[in-house]
């Protein structure tokens, strides 16, 4: 299931898959299945702020740009290179989810 999040969702190198996954996780936590439009709007605004924090820290939410900004690892094959750098972004998203959960309490 999670392979679709790789390389900017379906290998498009667009929106970072870690951010996509974070949006799905937070939506599942904060929005009921029958959420009202006002609840959806409030969630969207809250998630935009969370995404902005990520973007301010890393300079982008775009997979292609995030990978290009990562430091060079000359001795690591490209597939492993991408995975190692994505781990930083995934861990950041886990931290942001944790902060959102703490805010909820």
N, C-alpha and C. Protein backbone atom coordinates (compact mmCIF):
# COMPACT_ATOMS: atom_id res chain seq x y z
N UNK A 1 0.81 -1.19 0.00
CA UNK A 1 0.00 0.00 0.00
C UNK A 1 0.86 1.26 0.00
N UNK A 2 1.92 1.30 0.79
CA UNK A 2 2.71 2.52 0.93
C UNK A 2 3.61 2.79 -0.26
N UNK A 3 3.79 1.83 -1.15
CA UNK A 3 4.67 2.06 -2.31
C UNK A 3 4.17 3.23 -3.14
N UNK A 4 2.89 3.51 -3.14
CA UNK A 4 2.35 4.63 -3.92
C UNK A 4 2.88 5.97 -3.43
N UNK A 5 3.37 6.03 -2.19
CA UNK A 5 3.87 7.30 -1.66
C UNK A 5 5.32 7.57 -2.06
N UNK A 6 5.98 6.59 -2.66
CA UNK A 6 7.39 6.74 -3.01
C UNK A 6 7.65 7.73 -4.12
N UNK A 7 8.74 8.44 -3.98
CA UNK A 7 9.21 9.40 -5.00
C UNK A 7 8.14 10.42 -5.37
N UNK A 8 7.51 11.00 -4.36
CA UNK A 8 6.55 12.07 -4.63
C UNK A 8 5.23 11.58 -5.14
N UNK A 9 4.71 10.56 -4.56
CA UNK A 9 3.44 9.92 -4.90
C UNK A 9 3.45 9.38 -6.33
N UNK A 10 3.42 8.10 -6.40
CA UNK A 10 3.41 7.35 -7.66
C UNK A 10 4.58 7.73 -8.57
N UNK A 11 5.73 7.99 -7.95
CA UNK A 11 6.98 8.28 -8.67
C UNK A 11 6.88 9.52 -9.55
N UNK A 12 5.99 10.43 -9.20
CA UNK A 12 5.83 11.67 -9.98
C UNK A 12 6.85 12.72 -9.57
N UNK A 13 7.51 12.52 -8.44
CA UNK A 13 8.44 13.47 -7.86
C UNK A 13 7.77 14.82 -7.57
N UNK A 14 6.48 14.80 -7.28
CA UNK A 14 5.76 16.01 -6.91
C UNK A 14 5.66 16.09 -5.39
N UNK A 15 4.48 16.19 -4.84
CA UNK A 15 4.33 16.32 -3.39
C UNK A 15 5.02 15.16 -2.68
N UNK A 16 5.83 15.50 -1.69
CA UNK A 16 6.57 14.50 -0.91
C UNK A 16 5.60 13.44 -0.36
N UNK A 17 5.95 12.17 -0.56
CA UNK A 17 5.11 11.08 -0.11
C UNK A 17 4.95 11.04 1.40
N UNK A 18 5.98 11.50 2.14
CA UNK A 18 5.86 11.55 3.60
C UNK A 18 4.77 12.54 4.00
N UNK A 19 4.69 13.67 3.29
CA UNK A 19 3.63 14.64 3.56
C UNK A 19 2.26 14.10 3.17
N UNK A 20 2.20 13.40 2.05
CA UNK A 20 0.93 12.79 1.64
C UNK A 20 0.44 11.81 2.71
N UNK A 21 1.35 10.98 3.18
CA UNK A 21 1.01 10.02 4.22
C UNK A 21 0.60 10.69 5.51
N UNK A 22 1.28 11.80 5.84
CA UNK A 22 0.93 12.54 7.04
C UNK A 22 -0.49 13.10 6.92
N UNK A 23 -0.84 13.60 5.75
CA UNK A 23 -2.19 14.13 5.54
C UNK A 23 -3.25 13.06 5.71
N UNK A 24 -2.96 11.88 5.19
CA UNK A 24 -3.92 10.77 5.33
C UNK A 24 -4.04 10.36 6.80
N UNK A 25 -2.90 10.27 7.49
CA UNK A 25 -2.93 9.87 8.90
C UNK A 25 -3.69 10.89 9.74
N UNK A 26 -3.36 12.17 9.55
CA UNK A 26 -4.04 13.21 10.34
C UNK A 26 -5.53 13.29 10.00
N UNK A 27 -5.86 13.14 8.74
CA UNK A 27 -7.27 13.13 8.35
C UNK A 27 -8.02 11.99 9.01
N UNK A 28 -7.39 10.82 9.07
CA UNK A 28 -8.02 9.67 9.71
C UNK A 28 -8.19 9.85 11.20
N UNK A 29 -7.28 10.60 11.80
CA UNK A 29 -7.33 10.83 13.25
C UNK A 29 -8.35 11.93 13.59
N UNK A 30 -8.32 13.02 12.85
CA UNK A 30 -9.08 14.20 13.23
C UNK A 30 -10.44 14.34 12.56
N UNK A 31 -10.67 13.65 11.45
CA UNK A 31 -11.94 13.82 10.75
C UNK A 31 -12.77 12.55 10.79
N UNK A 32 -14.00 12.63 11.27
CA UNK A 32 -14.86 11.46 11.20
C UNK A 32 -15.27 11.21 9.74
N UNK A 33 -15.71 10.00 9.45
CA UNK A 33 -16.12 9.65 8.08
C UNK A 33 -17.23 10.57 7.57
N UNK A 34 -18.07 11.03 8.46
CA UNK A 34 -19.19 11.89 8.06
C UNK A 34 -18.93 13.35 8.41
N UNK A 35 -17.68 13.79 8.25
CA UNK A 35 -17.30 15.15 8.62
C UNK A 35 -18.11 16.19 7.85
N UNK A 36 -18.47 17.22 8.56
CA UNK A 36 -19.19 18.35 7.96
C UNK A 36 -18.21 19.21 7.16
N UNK A 37 -18.70 19.94 6.18
CA UNK A 37 -17.83 20.83 5.40
C UNK A 37 -17.00 21.79 6.26
N UNK A 38 -17.59 22.28 7.34
CA UNK A 38 -16.84 23.19 8.21
C UNK A 38 -15.68 22.48 8.91
N UNK A 39 -15.89 21.21 9.29
CA UNK A 39 -14.82 20.42 9.89
C UNK A 39 -13.71 20.17 8.88
N UNK A 40 -14.09 19.85 7.66
CA UNK A 40 -13.11 19.62 6.60
C UNK A 40 -12.29 20.88 6.32
N UNK A 41 -12.96 22.01 6.30
CA UNK A 41 -12.28 23.28 6.05
C UNK A 41 -11.30 23.58 7.19
N UNK A 42 -11.73 23.38 8.42
CA UNK A 42 -10.85 23.62 9.57
C UNK A 42 -9.63 22.71 9.53
N UNK A 43 -9.85 21.44 9.18
CA UNK A 43 -8.74 20.51 9.06
C UNK A 43 -7.78 20.96 7.97
N UNK A 44 -8.32 21.34 6.83
CA UNK A 44 -7.49 21.78 5.70
C UNK A 44 -6.62 22.96 6.10
N UNK A 45 -7.19 23.93 6.78
CA UNK A 45 -6.42 25.09 7.20
C UNK A 45 -5.33 24.69 8.21
N UNK A 46 -5.68 23.81 9.11
CA UNK A 46 -4.70 23.34 10.10
C UNK A 46 -3.57 22.57 9.42
N UNK A 47 -3.92 21.73 8.46
CA UNK A 47 -2.90 20.94 7.77
C UNK A 47 -2.01 21.83 6.91
N UNK A 48 -2.56 22.88 6.33
CA UNK A 48 -1.75 23.82 5.55
C UNK A 48 -0.66 24.45 6.42
N UNK A 49 -1.01 24.76 7.65
CA UNK A 49 -0.03 25.34 8.59
C UNK A 49 1.06 24.33 8.88
N UNK A 50 0.68 23.08 9.09
CA UNK A 50 1.65 22.02 9.35
C UNK A 50 2.57 21.83 8.14
N UNK A 51 2.00 21.82 6.94
CA UNK A 51 2.82 21.70 5.72
C UNK A 51 3.76 22.89 5.58
N UNK A 52 3.29 24.07 5.93
CA UNK A 52 4.12 25.28 5.83
C UNK A 52 5.31 25.18 6.75
N UNK A 53 5.12 24.61 7.91
CA UNK A 53 6.24 24.42 8.85
C UNK A 53 7.30 23.51 8.24
N UNK A 54 6.86 22.44 7.59
CA UNK A 54 7.78 21.53 6.91
C UNK A 54 8.52 22.28 5.81
N UNK A 55 7.78 23.04 5.02
CA UNK A 55 8.37 23.77 3.89
C UNK A 55 9.38 24.81 4.39
N UNK A 56 9.07 25.48 5.47
CA UNK A 56 9.99 26.47 6.01
C UNK A 56 11.29 25.81 6.48
N UNK A 57 11.19 24.63 7.02
CA UNK A 57 12.38 23.93 7.51
C UNK A 57 13.23 23.38 6.38
N UNK A 58 12.58 22.81 5.34
CA UNK A 58 13.32 22.12 4.28
C UNK A 58 13.33 22.86 2.94
N UNK A 59 12.61 23.95 2.84
CA UNK A 59 12.65 24.76 1.63
C UNK A 59 11.72 24.32 0.52
N UNK A 60 10.97 23.25 0.72
CA UNK A 60 10.07 22.76 -0.31
C UNK A 60 9.18 21.67 0.26
N UNK A 61 8.10 21.35 -0.46
CA UNK A 61 7.29 20.17 -0.17
C UNK A 61 7.34 19.23 -1.38
N UNK A 62 8.14 19.59 -2.37
CA UNK A 62 8.25 18.86 -3.62
C UNK A 62 9.37 17.83 -3.54
N UNK A 63 9.03 16.59 -3.80
CA UNK A 63 9.99 15.48 -3.72
C UNK A 63 11.27 15.77 -4.51
N UNK A 64 11.12 16.16 -5.74
CA UNK A 64 12.28 16.38 -6.61
C UNK A 64 13.22 17.41 -5.99
N UNK A 65 12.66 18.49 -5.48
CA UNK A 65 13.48 19.53 -4.87
C UNK A 65 14.10 19.08 -3.56
N UNK A 66 13.35 18.33 -2.77
CA UNK A 66 13.87 17.84 -1.50
C UNK A 66 15.06 16.92 -1.72
N UNK A 67 14.96 16.04 -2.70
CA UNK A 67 16.07 15.12 -2.98
C UNK A 67 17.28 15.88 -3.51
N UNK A 68 17.05 16.87 -4.35
CA UNK A 68 18.17 17.66 -4.89
C UNK A 68 18.89 18.45 -3.80
N UNK A 69 18.16 18.88 -2.79
CA UNK A 69 18.76 19.67 -1.72
C UNK A 69 19.52 18.82 -0.72
N UNK A 70 19.30 17.54 -0.75
CA UNK A 70 19.95 16.64 0.20
C UNK A 70 21.45 16.60 -0.10
N UNK A 71 22.27 16.42 0.92
CA UNK A 71 23.72 16.37 0.69
C UNK A 71 24.11 15.19 -0.19
N UNK A 72 25.19 15.36 -0.90
CA UNK A 72 25.66 14.33 -1.83
C UNK A 72 26.21 13.12 -1.08
N UNK A 73 25.85 11.95 -1.54
CA UNK A 73 26.38 10.70 -1.01
C UNK A 73 26.95 9.91 -2.19
N UNK A 74 28.19 10.16 -2.54
CA UNK A 74 28.77 9.63 -3.76
C UNK A 74 28.87 8.11 -3.79
N UNK A 75 29.07 7.46 -2.65
CA UNK A 75 29.29 6.02 -2.63
C UNK A 75 28.00 5.21 -2.46
N UNK A 76 26.87 5.87 -2.48
CA UNK A 76 25.60 5.18 -2.24
C UNK A 76 24.81 5.12 -3.54
N UNK A 77 24.33 3.93 -3.94
CA UNK A 77 23.51 3.83 -5.16
C UNK A 77 22.30 4.75 -5.07
N UNK A 78 21.82 5.23 -6.21
CA UNK A 78 20.74 6.23 -6.23
C UNK A 78 19.51 5.77 -5.46
N UNK A 79 19.12 4.50 -5.60
CA UNK A 79 17.91 4.06 -4.90
C UNK A 79 18.11 4.13 -3.39
N UNK A 80 19.27 3.75 -2.91
CA UNK A 80 19.55 3.83 -1.48
C UNK A 80 19.71 5.28 -1.05
N UNK A 81 20.28 6.10 -1.91
CA UNK A 81 20.46 7.53 -1.64
C UNK A 81 19.11 8.17 -1.36
N UNK A 82 18.14 7.91 -2.21
CA UNK A 82 16.81 8.49 -2.03
C UNK A 82 16.18 8.00 -0.74
N UNK A 83 16.30 6.73 -0.46
CA UNK A 83 15.68 6.19 0.76
C UNK A 83 16.29 6.81 2.01
N UNK A 84 17.59 6.99 2.02
CA UNK A 84 18.24 7.54 3.21
C UNK A 84 17.76 8.96 3.46
N UNK A 85 17.60 9.75 2.42
CA UNK A 85 17.16 11.12 2.61
C UNK A 85 15.67 11.19 2.91
N UNK A 86 14.91 10.31 2.34
CA UNK A 86 13.48 10.29 2.64
C UNK A 86 13.23 9.98 4.11
N UNK A 87 14.09 9.21 4.70
CA UNK A 87 13.92 8.88 6.11
C UNK A 87 13.90 10.14 6.96
N UNK A 88 14.72 11.12 6.64
CA UNK A 88 14.73 12.39 7.37
C UNK A 88 13.35 13.04 7.28
N UNK A 89 12.78 13.06 6.08
CA UNK A 89 11.48 13.70 5.87
C UNK A 89 10.36 12.90 6.53
N UNK A 90 10.46 11.56 6.49
CA UNK A 90 9.45 10.74 7.14
C UNK A 90 9.47 10.95 8.65
N UNK A 91 10.67 11.00 9.22
CA UNK A 91 10.77 11.22 10.67
C UNK A 91 10.26 12.61 11.05
N UNK A 92 10.50 13.59 10.21
CA UNK A 92 9.96 14.93 10.46
C UNK A 92 8.44 14.89 10.50
N UNK A 93 7.85 14.18 9.56
CA UNK A 93 6.38 14.07 9.51
C UNK A 93 5.83 13.34 10.72
N UNK A 94 6.54 12.32 11.17
CA UNK A 94 6.12 11.63 12.40
C UNK A 94 6.13 12.61 13.56
N UNK A 95 7.16 13.44 13.64
CA UNK A 95 7.23 14.45 14.70
C UNK A 95 6.10 15.46 14.61
N UNK A 96 5.76 15.87 13.39
CA UNK A 96 4.65 16.80 13.21
C UNK A 96 3.31 16.17 13.59
N UNK A 97 3.14 14.89 13.28
CA UNK A 97 1.92 14.18 13.69
C UNK A 97 1.85 14.14 15.22
N UNK A 98 2.97 13.83 15.84
CA UNK A 98 3.01 13.78 17.30
C UNK A 98 2.64 15.14 17.90
N UNK A 99 3.16 16.22 17.32
CA UNK A 99 2.81 17.56 17.81
C UNK A 99 1.32 17.84 17.66
N UNK A 100 0.74 17.42 16.54
CA UNK A 100 -0.70 17.63 16.33
C UNK A 100 -1.51 16.83 17.34
N UNK A 101 -1.07 15.62 17.63
CA UNK A 101 -1.77 14.80 18.63
C UNK A 101 -1.70 15.44 20.00
N UNK A 102 -0.53 15.99 20.34
CA UNK A 102 -0.37 16.66 21.63
C UNK A 102 -1.23 17.92 21.72
N UNK A 103 -1.36 18.62 20.61
CA UNK A 103 -2.22 19.81 20.57
C UNK A 103 -3.68 19.44 20.79
N UNK A 104 -4.03 18.28 20.33
CA UNK A 104 -5.43 17.81 20.43
C UNK A 104 -5.82 17.56 21.87
N UNK A 105 -4.88 17.09 22.67
CA UNK A 105 -5.19 16.73 24.07
C UNK A 105 -5.38 17.92 24.95
